């Protein structure tokens, strides 16, 4: 049986940072004050192919399991936790040609 794959465009790759002070807040674009769970800071990854497992955290946002790395995608509808995937980084300055490929 042939393995099914889904490919999604990568927008940005982030490092997730937990604030030192649990009282840290953020002001949303709607002017609301909310607690901060993670601060997502853009990072550059070397061009290459990375085998990993990811879990969906929000619309178009996947967390690399056992790492503080988050991948923001575009129009990606893959649901689940501990999904086998391949991250192909082709241009780490814009990520426009980078892909997150699900192999489950």
N, C-alpha and C. Protein backbone atom coordinates (compact mmCIF):
# COMPACT_ATOMS: atom_id res chain seq x y z
N UNK A 1 0.83 -1.18 0.00
CA UNK A 1 0.00 0.00 0.00
C UNK A 1 0.88 1.25 0.00
N UNK A 2 0.55 2.20 -0.88
CA UNK A 2 1.36 3.41 -1.01
C UNK A 2 1.11 4.36 0.15
N UNK A 3 2.19 4.98 0.63
CA UNK A 3 2.10 5.90 1.76
C UNK A 3 1.50 7.23 1.29
N UNK A 4 0.55 7.76 2.05
CA UNK A 4 -0.11 9.03 1.74
C UNK A 4 0.67 10.18 2.35
N UNK A 5 0.89 11.25 1.58
CA UNK A 5 1.57 12.42 2.13
C UNK A 5 0.74 13.67 1.88
N UNK A 6 0.87 14.63 2.78
CA UNK A 6 0.27 15.95 2.64
C UNK A 6 1.39 16.96 2.79
N UNK A 7 1.43 17.95 1.93
CA UNK A 7 2.48 18.96 1.97
C UNK A 7 1.87 20.33 2.24
N UNK A 8 2.50 21.09 3.16
CA UNK A 8 2.02 22.43 3.51
C UNK A 8 3.16 23.43 3.39
N UNK A 9 2.85 24.62 2.91
CA UNK A 9 3.84 25.69 2.83
C UNK A 9 4.17 26.20 4.23
N UNK A 10 5.45 26.51 4.45
CA UNK A 10 5.91 27.05 5.73
C UNK A 10 5.98 28.56 5.64
N UNK A 11 5.37 29.25 6.60
CA UNK A 11 5.42 30.71 6.67
C UNK A 11 6.64 31.17 7.47
N UNK A 12 6.74 30.69 8.74
CA UNK A 12 7.79 31.11 9.66
C UNK A 12 8.10 29.95 10.60
N UNK A 13 9.35 29.86 11.03
CA UNK A 13 9.75 28.89 12.05
C UNK A 13 10.17 29.69 13.28
N UNK A 14 9.66 29.28 14.44
CA UNK A 14 9.87 30.02 15.69
C UNK A 14 10.52 29.15 16.75
N UNK A 15 11.19 29.82 17.69
CA UNK A 15 11.56 29.20 18.96
C UNK A 15 10.53 29.66 19.97
N UNK A 16 10.01 28.73 20.77
CA UNK A 16 9.05 29.07 21.81
C UNK A 16 9.78 29.35 23.12
N UNK A 17 9.57 30.53 23.67
CA UNK A 17 10.23 30.91 24.91
C UNK A 17 9.17 31.10 25.99
N UNK A 18 9.38 30.46 27.13
CA UNK A 18 8.48 30.61 28.27
C UNK A 18 8.93 31.82 29.07
N UNK A 19 8.03 32.78 29.33
CA UNK A 19 8.43 33.96 30.12
C UNK A 19 8.92 33.57 31.51
N UNK A 20 9.94 34.28 32.01
CA UNK A 20 10.48 34.02 33.35
C UNK A 20 9.47 34.33 34.45
N UNK A 21 8.65 35.33 34.21
CA UNK A 21 7.69 35.78 35.21
C UNK A 21 6.28 35.39 34.77
N UNK A 22 5.60 34.58 35.56
CA UNK A 22 4.27 34.09 35.20
C UNK A 22 3.24 35.21 35.12
N UNK A 23 3.59 36.39 35.60
CA UNK A 23 2.68 37.53 35.53
C UNK A 23 2.77 38.28 34.20
N UNK A 24 3.64 37.83 33.31
CA UNK A 24 3.82 38.48 32.01
C UNK A 24 2.50 38.46 31.24
N UNK A 25 2.16 39.59 30.64
CA UNK A 25 0.92 39.74 29.88
C UNK A 25 1.24 40.19 28.46
N UNK A 26 0.25 40.10 27.60
CA UNK A 26 0.34 40.58 26.23
C UNK A 26 -0.93 41.37 25.91
N UNK A 27 -0.80 42.38 25.09
CA UNK A 27 -1.97 43.11 24.60
C UNK A 27 -2.25 42.58 23.20
N UNK A 28 -3.46 42.07 22.98
CA UNK A 28 -3.82 41.51 21.67
C UNK A 28 -4.14 42.64 20.70
N UNK A 29 -4.28 42.27 19.44
CA UNK A 29 -4.62 43.27 18.41
C UNK A 29 -6.02 43.84 18.63
N UNK A 30 -6.83 43.20 19.48
CA UNK A 30 -8.16 43.72 19.81
C UNK A 30 -8.14 44.56 21.08
N UNK A 31 -6.96 44.79 21.66
CA UNK A 31 -6.84 45.61 22.85
C UNK A 31 -7.11 44.87 24.14
N UNK A 32 -7.15 43.55 24.10
CA UNK A 32 -7.36 42.75 25.31
C UNK A 32 -6.02 42.41 25.96
N UNK A 33 -6.02 42.34 27.28
CA UNK A 33 -4.84 41.90 28.02
C UNK A 33 -5.01 40.43 28.35
N UNK A 34 -4.00 39.62 27.99
CA UNK A 34 -4.08 38.18 28.21
C UNK A 34 -2.78 37.64 28.77
N UNK A 35 -2.86 36.47 29.43
CA UNK A 35 -1.67 35.79 29.93
C UNK A 35 -0.85 35.28 28.74
N UNK A 36 0.45 35.13 28.95
CA UNK A 36 1.35 34.63 27.93
C UNK A 36 1.78 33.21 28.29
N UNK A 37 1.56 32.28 27.39
CA UNK A 37 2.06 30.92 27.60
C UNK A 37 3.44 30.78 26.98
N UNK A 38 3.59 31.22 25.74
CA UNK A 38 4.87 31.16 25.00
C UNK A 38 5.04 32.44 24.21
N UNK A 39 6.29 32.86 24.10
CA UNK A 39 6.65 33.94 23.19
C UNK A 39 7.31 33.27 22.00
N UNK A 40 6.79 33.54 20.80
CA UNK A 40 7.32 32.92 19.59
C UNK A 40 8.27 33.89 18.90
N UNK A 41 9.54 33.50 18.83
CA UNK A 41 10.58 34.35 18.24
C UNK A 41 11.07 33.69 16.95
N UNK A 42 11.01 34.40 15.82
CA UNK A 42 11.47 33.81 14.55
C UNK A 42 12.94 33.37 14.63
N UNK A 43 13.23 32.22 14.04
CA UNK A 43 14.60 31.71 13.98
C UNK A 43 14.91 31.30 12.54
N UNK A 44 16.18 31.17 12.24
CA UNK A 44 16.63 30.65 10.94
C UNK A 44 17.16 29.25 11.14
N UNK A 45 16.71 28.33 10.31
CA UNK A 45 17.26 26.97 10.29
C UNK A 45 18.10 26.81 9.04
N UNK A 46 19.15 26.00 9.14
CA UNK A 46 19.96 25.70 7.97
C UNK A 46 19.10 25.02 6.93
N UNK A 47 19.42 25.30 5.66
CA UNK A 47 18.74 24.58 4.59
C UNK A 47 19.01 23.10 4.76
N UNK A 48 17.99 22.29 4.52
CA UNK A 48 18.15 20.86 4.65
C UNK A 48 16.82 20.16 4.84
N UNK A 49 16.91 18.87 5.12
CA UNK A 49 15.73 18.03 5.32
C UNK A 49 15.79 17.49 6.74
N UNK A 50 14.72 17.70 7.50
CA UNK A 50 14.66 17.31 8.90
C UNK A 50 13.50 16.34 9.10
N UNK A 51 13.77 15.16 9.65
CA UNK A 51 12.71 14.22 10.03
C UNK A 51 12.30 14.53 11.45
N UNK A 52 10.99 14.64 11.69
CA UNK A 52 10.51 15.02 13.02
C UNK A 52 9.08 14.54 13.23
N UNK A 53 8.61 14.71 14.45
CA UNK A 53 7.19 14.50 14.74
C UNK A 53 6.66 15.83 15.26
N UNK A 54 5.42 16.13 14.87
CA UNK A 54 4.81 17.40 15.25
C UNK A 54 3.40 17.16 15.78
N UNK A 55 2.93 18.15 16.53
CA UNK A 55 1.55 18.14 17.03
C UNK A 55 0.93 19.49 16.69
N UNK A 56 -0.32 19.45 16.26
CA UNK A 56 -1.02 20.70 15.94
C UNK A 56 -1.36 21.42 17.24
N UNK A 57 -1.01 22.72 17.31
CA UNK A 57 -1.27 23.53 18.50
C UNK A 57 -2.38 24.55 18.26
N UNK A 58 -2.53 25.02 17.04
CA UNK A 58 -3.54 26.03 16.67
C UNK A 58 -3.66 26.00 15.15
N UNK A 59 -4.58 26.81 14.62
CA UNK A 59 -4.70 26.89 13.16
C UNK A 59 -3.35 27.28 12.57
N UNK A 60 -2.86 26.45 11.65
CA UNK A 60 -1.60 26.69 10.95
C UNK A 60 -0.39 26.82 11.88
N UNK A 61 -0.43 26.17 13.03
CA UNK A 61 0.71 26.19 13.94
C UNK A 61 0.96 24.79 14.48
N UNK A 62 2.17 24.28 14.25
CA UNK A 62 2.57 22.94 14.68
C UNK A 62 3.80 23.06 15.57
N UNK A 63 3.84 22.26 16.63
CA UNK A 63 4.99 22.23 17.54
C UNK A 63 5.79 20.97 17.26
N UNK A 64 7.10 21.12 17.14
CA UNK A 64 7.98 19.96 17.01
C UNK A 64 8.03 19.29 18.38
N UNK A 65 7.66 18.03 18.43
CA UNK A 65 7.60 17.32 19.71
C UNK A 65 8.99 17.25 20.34
N UNK A 66 9.04 17.44 21.66
CA UNK A 66 10.26 17.37 22.47
C UNK A 66 11.26 18.48 22.15
N UNK A 67 10.81 19.54 21.47
CA UNK A 67 11.64 20.71 21.18
C UNK A 67 10.78 21.95 21.39
N UNK A 68 11.41 23.07 21.58
CA UNK A 68 10.67 24.33 21.67
C UNK A 68 10.70 25.04 20.32
N UNK A 69 10.34 24.29 19.26
CA UNK A 69 10.30 24.80 17.90
C UNK A 69 8.86 24.73 17.40
N UNK A 70 8.40 25.83 16.81
CA UNK A 70 7.05 25.92 16.28
C UNK A 70 7.13 26.28 14.80
N UNK A 71 6.25 25.68 14.00
CA UNK A 71 6.24 25.91 12.56
C UNK A 71 4.88 26.49 12.19
N UNK A 72 4.91 27.70 11.63
CA UNK A 72 3.67 28.33 11.15
C UNK A 72 3.52 27.99 9.68
N UNK A 73 2.37 27.45 9.31
CA UNK A 73 2.12 27.03 7.93
C UNK A 73 1.06 27.92 7.30
N UNK A 74 0.79 27.65 6.04
CA UNK A 74 -0.25 28.37 5.31
C UNK A 74 -1.24 27.36 4.75
N UNK A 75 -2.50 27.52 5.08
CA UNK A 75 -3.57 26.66 4.57
C UNK A 75 -3.30 25.18 4.83
N UNK A 76 -2.91 24.85 6.05
CA UNK A 76 -2.59 23.47 6.42
C UNK A 76 -3.69 22.94 7.34
N UNK A 77 -4.30 21.85 6.96
CA UNK A 77 -5.46 21.33 7.68
C UNK A 77 -5.20 19.98 8.33
N UNK A 78 -3.94 19.58 8.43
CA UNK A 78 -3.58 18.29 9.04
C UNK A 78 -3.82 18.35 10.55
N UNK A 79 -4.58 17.41 11.07
CA UNK A 79 -4.92 17.37 12.50
C UNK A 79 -4.18 16.22 13.17
N UNK A 80 -3.85 16.40 14.45
CA UNK A 80 -3.31 15.28 15.20
C UNK A 80 -2.15 15.65 16.10
N UNK A 81 -1.71 14.62 16.84
CA UNK A 81 -0.54 14.76 17.70
C UNK A 81 0.45 13.66 17.32
N UNK A 82 1.72 13.92 17.54
CA UNK A 82 2.80 13.01 17.19
C UNK A 82 2.68 12.50 15.76
N UNK A 83 2.53 13.46 14.83
CA UNK A 83 2.46 13.14 13.41
C UNK A 83 3.87 13.07 12.84
N UNK A 84 4.17 12.00 12.11
CA UNK A 84 5.47 11.91 11.43
C UNK A 84 5.49 12.92 10.30
N UNK A 85 6.60 13.66 10.20
CA UNK A 85 6.69 14.69 9.17
C UNK A 85 8.14 14.91 8.76
N UNK A 86 8.28 15.56 7.63
CA UNK A 86 9.58 15.99 7.12
C UNK A 86 9.49 17.49 6.89
N UNK A 87 10.48 18.22 7.41
CA UNK A 87 10.57 19.65 7.18
C UNK A 87 11.68 19.87 6.17
N UNK A 88 11.32 20.41 4.99
CA UNK A 88 12.31 20.73 3.96
C UNK A 88 12.51 22.23 3.96
N UNK A 89 13.68 22.67 4.44
CA UNK A 89 14.01 24.09 4.46
C UNK A 89 14.86 24.38 3.24
N UNK A 90 14.32 25.20 2.34
CA UNK A 90 15.01 25.46 1.08
C UNK A 90 15.57 26.88 1.01
N UNK A 91 14.98 27.81 1.76
CA UNK A 91 15.49 29.17 1.78
C UNK A 91 15.17 29.74 3.15
N UNK A 92 16.13 29.76 4.05
CA UNK A 92 15.82 30.12 5.43
C UNK A 92 15.63 31.62 5.65
N UNK A 93 15.76 32.42 4.61
CA UNK A 93 15.52 33.86 4.78
C UNK A 93 14.05 34.21 4.61
N UNK A 94 13.35 33.49 3.74
CA UNK A 94 11.93 33.80 3.54
C UNK A 94 11.03 32.60 3.78
N UNK A 95 11.57 31.41 3.77
CA UNK A 95 10.81 30.16 3.92
C UNK A 95 9.77 29.96 2.83
N UNK A 96 9.78 30.82 1.78
CA UNK A 96 8.72 30.74 0.78
C UNK A 96 8.68 29.41 0.05
N UNK A 97 9.81 28.74 -0.06
CA UNK A 97 9.80 27.46 -0.75
C UNK A 97 9.96 26.28 0.22
N UNK A 98 9.88 26.54 1.51
CA UNK A 98 10.00 25.47 2.50
C UNK A 98 8.66 24.75 2.67
N UNK A 99 8.74 23.47 3.01
CA UNK A 99 7.54 22.64 3.10
C UNK A 99 7.58 21.80 4.38
N UNK A 100 6.39 21.60 4.96
CA UNK A 100 6.18 20.63 6.01
C UNK A 100 5.39 19.51 5.38
N UNK A 101 5.98 18.32 5.32
CA UNK A 101 5.37 17.19 4.62
C UNK A 101 5.00 16.13 5.65
N UNK A 102 3.72 15.82 5.73
CA UNK A 102 3.22 14.81 6.66
C UNK A 102 3.28 13.45 5.98
N UNK A 103 3.86 12.46 6.69
CA UNK A 103 4.06 11.14 6.10
C UNK A 103 3.24 10.04 6.76
N UNK A 104 2.37 10.41 7.71
CA UNK A 104 1.51 9.41 8.37
C UNK A 104 0.49 8.86 7.40
